[in-house]
Amino acid sequence: MREDIIARAGFLLTELHLAPDAAQLRLKDYFPDLEREERIRFVEEARDLAAESLRRIN
């Protein structure tokens, strides 16, 4: 399930271009049982993965 959460957070950040604060709030719509701190952590992980992928491309 962790991978699903990170993938959804990545989608919110990269495809919908949401700010991290907005992405963690929207993540609650998909995973209502996650605590705020967990949502923040998953959004941060997704942001870091997206940044790493971008660095590899360039």
N, C-alpha and C. Protein backbone atom coordinates (compact mmCIF):
# COMPACT_ATOMS: atom_id res chain seq x y z
N MET A 1 0.82 -1.19 0.00
CA MET A 1 0.00 0.00 0.00
C MET A 1 0.86 1.25 0.00
N ARG A 2 2.04 1.18 0.59
CA ARG A 2 2.94 2.33 0.64
C ARG A 2 3.23 2.86 -0.76
N GLU A 3 3.47 1.95 -1.70
CA GLU A 3 3.76 2.36 -3.07
C GLU A 3 2.57 3.06 -3.71
N ASP A 4 1.36 2.59 -3.39
CA ASP A 4 0.14 3.22 -3.90
C ASP A 4 0.01 4.65 -3.40
N ILE A 5 0.32 4.85 -2.14
CA ILE A 5 0.21 6.18 -1.54
C ILE A 5 1.23 7.12 -2.17
N ILE A 6 2.45 6.66 -2.32
CA ILE A 6 3.49 7.50 -2.92
C ILE A 6 3.15 7.80 -4.38
N ALA A 7 2.64 6.82 -5.09
CA ALA A 7 2.26 7.04 -6.49
C ALA A 7 1.14 8.07 -6.58
N ARG A 8 0.18 7.99 -5.71
CA ARG A 8 -0.93 8.96 -5.73
C ARG A 8 -0.42 10.35 -5.37
N ALA A 9 0.45 10.43 -4.38
CA ALA A 9 1.02 11.72 -3.99
C ALA A 9 1.83 12.30 -5.15
N GLY A 10 2.59 11.45 -5.83
CA GLY A 10 3.35 11.91 -6.99
C GLY A 10 2.44 12.43 -8.09
N PHE A 11 1.34 11.75 -8.31
CA PHE A 11 0.37 12.20 -9.29
C PHE A 11 -0.17 13.59 -8.93
N LEU A 12 -0.52 13.75 -7.68
CA LEU A 12 -1.06 15.04 -7.25
C LEU A 12 -0.04 16.17 -7.43
N LEU A 13 1.22 15.86 -7.17
CA LEU A 13 2.26 16.87 -7.29
C LEU A 13 2.64 17.16 -8.74
N THR A 14 2.81 16.12 -9.53
CA THR A 14 3.36 16.31 -10.87
C THR A 14 2.31 16.49 -11.96
N GLU A 15 1.27 15.72 -11.91
CA GLU A 15 0.25 15.82 -12.96
C GLU A 15 -0.77 16.92 -12.69
N LEU A 16 -1.16 17.06 -11.44
CA LEU A 16 -2.13 18.10 -11.10
C LEU A 16 -1.46 19.40 -10.66
N HIS A 17 -0.14 19.34 -10.49
CA HIS A 17 0.66 20.52 -10.12
C HIS A 17 0.17 21.18 -8.83
N LEU A 18 -0.20 20.34 -7.86
CA LEU A 18 -0.63 20.86 -6.57
C LEU A 18 0.60 21.17 -5.72
N ALA A 19 0.47 22.18 -4.89
CA ALA A 19 1.50 22.48 -3.90
C ALA A 19 1.52 21.34 -2.88
N PRO A 20 2.64 21.11 -2.23
CA PRO A 20 2.71 20.02 -1.25
C PRO A 20 1.61 20.09 -0.18
N ASP A 21 1.28 21.28 0.30
CA ASP A 21 0.22 21.39 1.30
C ASP A 21 -1.13 20.93 0.75
N ALA A 22 -1.42 21.34 -0.47
CA ALA A 22 -2.68 20.94 -1.10
C ALA A 22 -2.68 19.45 -1.41
N ALA A 23 -1.53 18.93 -1.83
CA ALA A 23 -1.44 17.50 -2.15
C ALA A 23 -1.69 16.65 -0.92
N GLN A 24 -1.12 17.04 0.22
CA GLN A 24 -1.34 16.22 1.41
C GLN A 24 -2.79 16.28 1.86
N LEU A 25 -3.46 17.39 1.63
CA LEU A 25 -4.89 17.46 1.97
C LEU A 25 -5.71 16.57 1.03
N ARG A 26 -5.40 16.60 -0.26
CA ARG A 26 -6.11 15.77 -1.22
C ARG A 26 -5.83 14.29 -1.02
N LEU A 27 -4.65 13.98 -0.53
CA LEU A 27 -4.31 12.59 -0.25
C LEU A 27 -5.27 11.98 0.76
N LYS A 28 -5.80 12.82 1.62
CA LYS A 28 -6.77 12.35 2.61
C LYS A 28 -8.05 11.84 1.94
N ASP A 29 -8.40 12.41 0.79
CA ASP A 29 -9.58 11.94 0.05
C ASP A 29 -9.40 10.49 -0.40
N TYR A 30 -8.19 10.13 -0.76
CA TYR A 30 -7.91 8.79 -1.27
C TYR A 30 -7.60 7.79 -0.15
N PHE A 31 -6.96 8.29 0.91
CA PHE A 31 -6.55 7.43 2.02
C PHE A 31 -6.98 8.09 3.34
N PRO A 32 -8.27 8.00 3.67
CA PRO A 32 -8.80 8.74 4.83
C PRO A 32 -8.25 8.30 6.18
N ASP A 33 -7.67 7.12 6.26
CA ASP A 33 -7.16 6.63 7.53
C ASP A 33 -5.76 7.15 7.87
N LEU A 34 -5.11 7.79 6.90
CA LEU A 34 -3.76 8.30 7.16
C LEU A 34 -3.80 9.54 8.06
N GLU A 35 -2.91 9.57 9.00
CA GLU A 35 -2.76 10.74 9.85
C GLU A 35 -2.06 11.85 9.07
N ARG A 36 -2.20 13.06 9.52
CA ARG A 36 -1.61 14.22 8.84
C ARG A 36 -0.11 14.06 8.66
N GLU A 37 0.58 13.62 9.69
CA GLU A 37 2.03 13.45 9.62
C GLU A 37 2.43 12.42 8.56
N GLU A 38 1.63 11.37 8.45
CA GLU A 38 1.89 10.34 7.45
C GLU A 38 1.71 10.91 6.04
N ARG A 39 0.63 11.67 5.85
CA ARG A 39 0.38 12.26 4.54
C ARG A 39 1.51 13.21 4.16
N ILE A 40 1.97 14.00 5.11
CA ILE A 40 3.08 14.92 4.84
C ILE A 40 4.32 14.13 4.45
N ARG A 41 4.61 13.08 5.17
CA ARG A 41 5.79 12.27 4.87
C ARG A 41 5.71 11.65 3.48
N PHE A 42 4.54 11.12 3.12
CA PHE A 42 4.39 10.50 1.80
C PHE A 42 4.51 11.53 0.68
N VAL A 43 3.98 12.71 0.88
CA VAL A 43 4.11 13.77 -0.12
C VAL A 43 5.58 14.17 -0.27
N GLU A 44 6.28 14.26 0.84
CA GLU A 44 7.71 14.59 0.79
C GLU A 44 8.49 13.50 0.05
N GLU A 45 8.16 12.25 0.31
CA GLU A 45 8.84 11.14 -0.39
C GLU A 45 8.56 11.20 -1.89
N ALA A 46 7.31 11.45 -2.25
CA ALA A 46 6.95 11.54 -3.66
C ALA A 46 7.66 12.72 -4.32
N ARG A 47 7.75 13.83 -3.63
CA ARG A 47 8.46 15.01 -4.16
C ARG A 47 9.93 14.68 -4.38
N ASP A 48 10.54 14.01 -3.42
CA ASP A 48 11.95 13.64 -3.55
C ASP A 48 12.18 12.68 -4.71
N LEU A 49 11.28 11.71 -4.88
CA LEU A 49 11.39 10.76 -6.00
C LEU A 49 11.24 11.47 -7.34
N ALA A 50 10.31 12.41 -7.41
CA ALA A 50 10.11 13.16 -8.65
C ALA A 50 11.34 14.00 -8.97
N ALA A 51 11.91 14.62 -7.96
CA ALA A 51 13.12 15.44 -8.16
C ALA A 51 14.28 14.56 -8.62
N GLU A 52 14.41 13.40 -8.04
CA GLU A 52 15.48 12.47 -8.43
C GLU A 52 15.30 12.02 -9.88
N SER A 53 14.07 11.73 -10.27
CA SER A 53 13.81 11.32 -11.65
C SER A 53 14.14 12.44 -12.62
N LEU A 54 13.83 13.66 -12.25
CA LEU A 54 14.13 14.81 -13.09
C LEU A 54 15.64 15.00 -13.23
N ARG A 55 16.38 14.80 -12.15
CA ARG A 55 17.84 14.91 -12.21
C ARG A 55 18.44 13.85 -13.14
N ARG A 56 17.87 12.68 -13.12
CA ARG A 56 18.39 11.60 -13.98
C ARG A 56 18.14 11.90 -15.45
N ILE A 57 17.03 12.55 -15.73
CA ILE A 57 16.69 12.89 -17.12
C ILE A 57 17.66 13.96 -17.63
N ASN A 58 17.95 14.91 -16.79
CA ASN A 58 18.84 16.02 -17.20
C ASN A 58 20.23 15.57 -16.99
